C-alpha atoms as a PDB file:
ATOM      1  CA  MET A   1      41.071-180.415  43.422  1.00  0.00           C
ATOM      2  CA  ALA A   2      41.441-182.715  46.849  1.00  0.00           C
ATOM      3  CA  VAL A   3      38.868-182.328  49.713  1.00  0.00           C
ATOM      4  CA  MET A   4      39.770-184.167  53.032  1.00  0.00           C
ATOM      5  CA  VAL A   5      36.457-186.310  54.375  1.00  0.00           C
ATOM      6  CA  GLN A   6      36.102-187.364  57.594  1.00  0.00           C
ATOM      7  CA  TRP A   7      33.401-189.829  57.191  1.00  0.00           C
ATOM      8  CA  ASN A   8      31.018-191.934  60.033  1.00  0.00           C
ATOM      9  CA  GLY A   9      30.217-194.530  57.279  1.00  0.00           C
ATOM     10  CA  LYS A  10      26.208-193.464  57.158  1.00  0.00           C
ATOM     11  CA  ASP A  11      25.880-189.512  57.143  1.00  0.00           C
ATOM     12  CA  LEU A  12      26.663-187.325  54.383  1.00  0.00           C
ATOM     13  CA  PRO A  13      29.659-185.254  55.065  1.00  0.00           C
ATOM     14  CA  LYS A  14      29.370-181.287  54.861  1.00  0.00           C
ATOM     15  CA  GLU A  15      32.351-181.287  52.522  1.00  0.00           C
ATOM     16  CA  LEU A  16      30.696-183.792  50.172  1.00  0.00           C
ATOM     17  CA  ARG A  17      27.303-181.319  49.714  1.00  0.00           C
ATOM     18  CA  ALA A  18      29.448-178.346  49.291  1.00  0.00           C
ATOM     19  CA  LEU A  19      31.048-179.769  45.963  1.00  0.00           C
ATOM     20  CA  PRO A  20      29.738-178.581  42.641  1.00  0.00           C
ATOM     21  CA  GLU A  21      27.603-181.233  40.721  1.00  0.00           C
ATOM     22  CA  GLY A  22      29.814-183.835  38.948  1.00  0.00           C
ATOM     23  CA  ARG A  23      31.203-187.128  39.056  1.00  0.00           C
ATOM     24  CA  TYR A  24      34.231-187.816  41.760  1.00  0.00           C
ATOM     25  CA  VAL A  25      36.342-190.996  42.538  1.00  0.00           C
ATOM     26  CA  ILE A  26      36.395-191.241  46.610  1.00  0.00           C
ATOM     27  CA  GLU A  27      39.528-193.481  47.817  1.00  0.00           C
ATOM     28  CA  SER A  28      40.179-194.514  51.388  1.00  0.00           C
ATOM     29  CA  ILE A  29      43.715-192.927  52.473  1.00  0.00           C
ATOM     30  CA  ASP A  30      43.540-194.888  55.678  1.00  0.00           C
ATOM     31  CA  ALA A  31      46.373-197.046  54.370  1.00  0.00           C
ATOM     32  CA  ALA A  32      49.151-195.470  52.994  1.00  0.00           C
ATOM     33  CA  PRO A  33      50.225-196.770  49.549  1.00  0.00           C
ATOM     34  CA  ALA A  34      54.195-198.486  50.111  1.00  0.00           C
ATOM     35  CA  LEU A  35      57.207-196.250  48.463  1.00  0.00           C
ATOM     36  CA  SER A  36      59.154-197.202  45.882  1.00  0.00           C
ATOM     37  CA  PRO A  37      62.887-197.758  46.768  1.00  0.00           C
ATOM     38  CA  ASP A  38      63.587-194.301  44.891  1.00  0.00           C
ATOM     39  CA  GLU A  39      61.255-192.604  47.050  1.00  0.00           C
ATOM     40  CA  GLU A  40      62.290-194.249  50.351  1.00  0.00           C
ATOM     41  CA  ALA A  41      65.854-193.098  49.258  1.00  0.00           C
ATOM     42  CA  GLY A  42      65.208-189.567  48.967  1.00  0.00           C
ATOM     43  CA  LEU A  43      63.024-189.446  51.891  1.00  0.00           C
ATOM     44  CA  GLU A  44      65.920-190.853  54.460  1.00  0.00           C
ATOM     45  CA  GLN A  45      68.100-188.366  52.519  1.00  0.00           C
ATOM     46  CA  ALA A  46      65.828-185.610  53.270  1.00  0.00           C
ATOM     47  CA  MET A  47      65.515-186.769  56.941  1.00  0.00           C
ATOM     48  CA  ASN A  48      69.593-186.987  57.078  1.00  0.00           C
ATOM     49  CA  SER A  49      69.911-183.413  55.848  1.00  0.00           C
ATOM     50  CA  LEU A  50      67.356-181.898  58.455  1.00  0.00           C
ATOM     51  CA  ARG A  51      69.041-183.801  61.269  1.00  0.00           C
ATOM     52  CA  GLN A  52      72.157-182.178  59.951  1.00  0.00           C
ATOM     53  CA  GLY A  53      70.571-178.367  60.382  1.00  0.00           C
ATOM     54  CA  ARG A  54      70.306-178.158  56.372  1.00  0.00           C
ATOM     55  CA  GLY A  55      66.897-177.304  56.481  1.00  0.00           C
ATOM     56  CA  VAL A  56      64.955-174.845  54.849  1.00  0.00           C
ATOM     57  CA  PRO A  57      61.991-172.675  56.691  1.00  0.00           C
ATOM     58  CA  ALA A  58      58.430-173.697  55.326  1.00  0.00           C
ATOM     59  CA  ASP A  59      57.699-169.749  54.463  1.00  0.00           C
ATOM     60  CA  ALA A  60      61.021-169.859  52.407  1.00  0.00           C
ATOM     61  CA  VAL A  61      59.705-173.015  50.799  1.00  0.00           C
ATOM     62  CA  PHE A  62      56.532-171.480  50.173  1.00  0.00           C
ATOM     63  CA  ARG A  63      57.731-168.305  48.752  1.00  0.00           C
ATOM     64  CA  ARG A  64      60.066-170.206  46.039  1.00  0.00           C
ATOM     65  CA  LEU A  65      57.196-172.241  44.915  1.00  0.00           C
ATOM     66  CA  ASP A  66      55.156-169.530  44.714  1.00  0.00           C
ATOM     67  CA  GLU A  67      57.805-167.051  42.247  1.00  0.00           C
ATOM     68  CA  ARG A  68      57.698-170.457  40.009  1.00  0.00           C
ATOM     69  CA  LEU A  69      54.509-170.967  39.985  1.00  0.00           C
ATOM     70  CA  ARG A  70      53.976-167.068  38.876  1.00  0.00           C
ATOM     71  CA  ARG A  71      56.591-167.391  35.937  1.00  0.00           C
END
């Protein structure tokens, strides 16, 4: 489970107070990790596909994912 937290650096965020007791790892996401060459090429291919009008509506994607996860 991932929880997005916006922190001011001093006050405990409400998102953390809502988590159950346990051990957690907190990592800053302010700087995005570098993409591998394969990831970069995949994103370029996807963007080109969208520019050419070969995109799939988000609701269709979510429906397909739901169908596969139910199997």
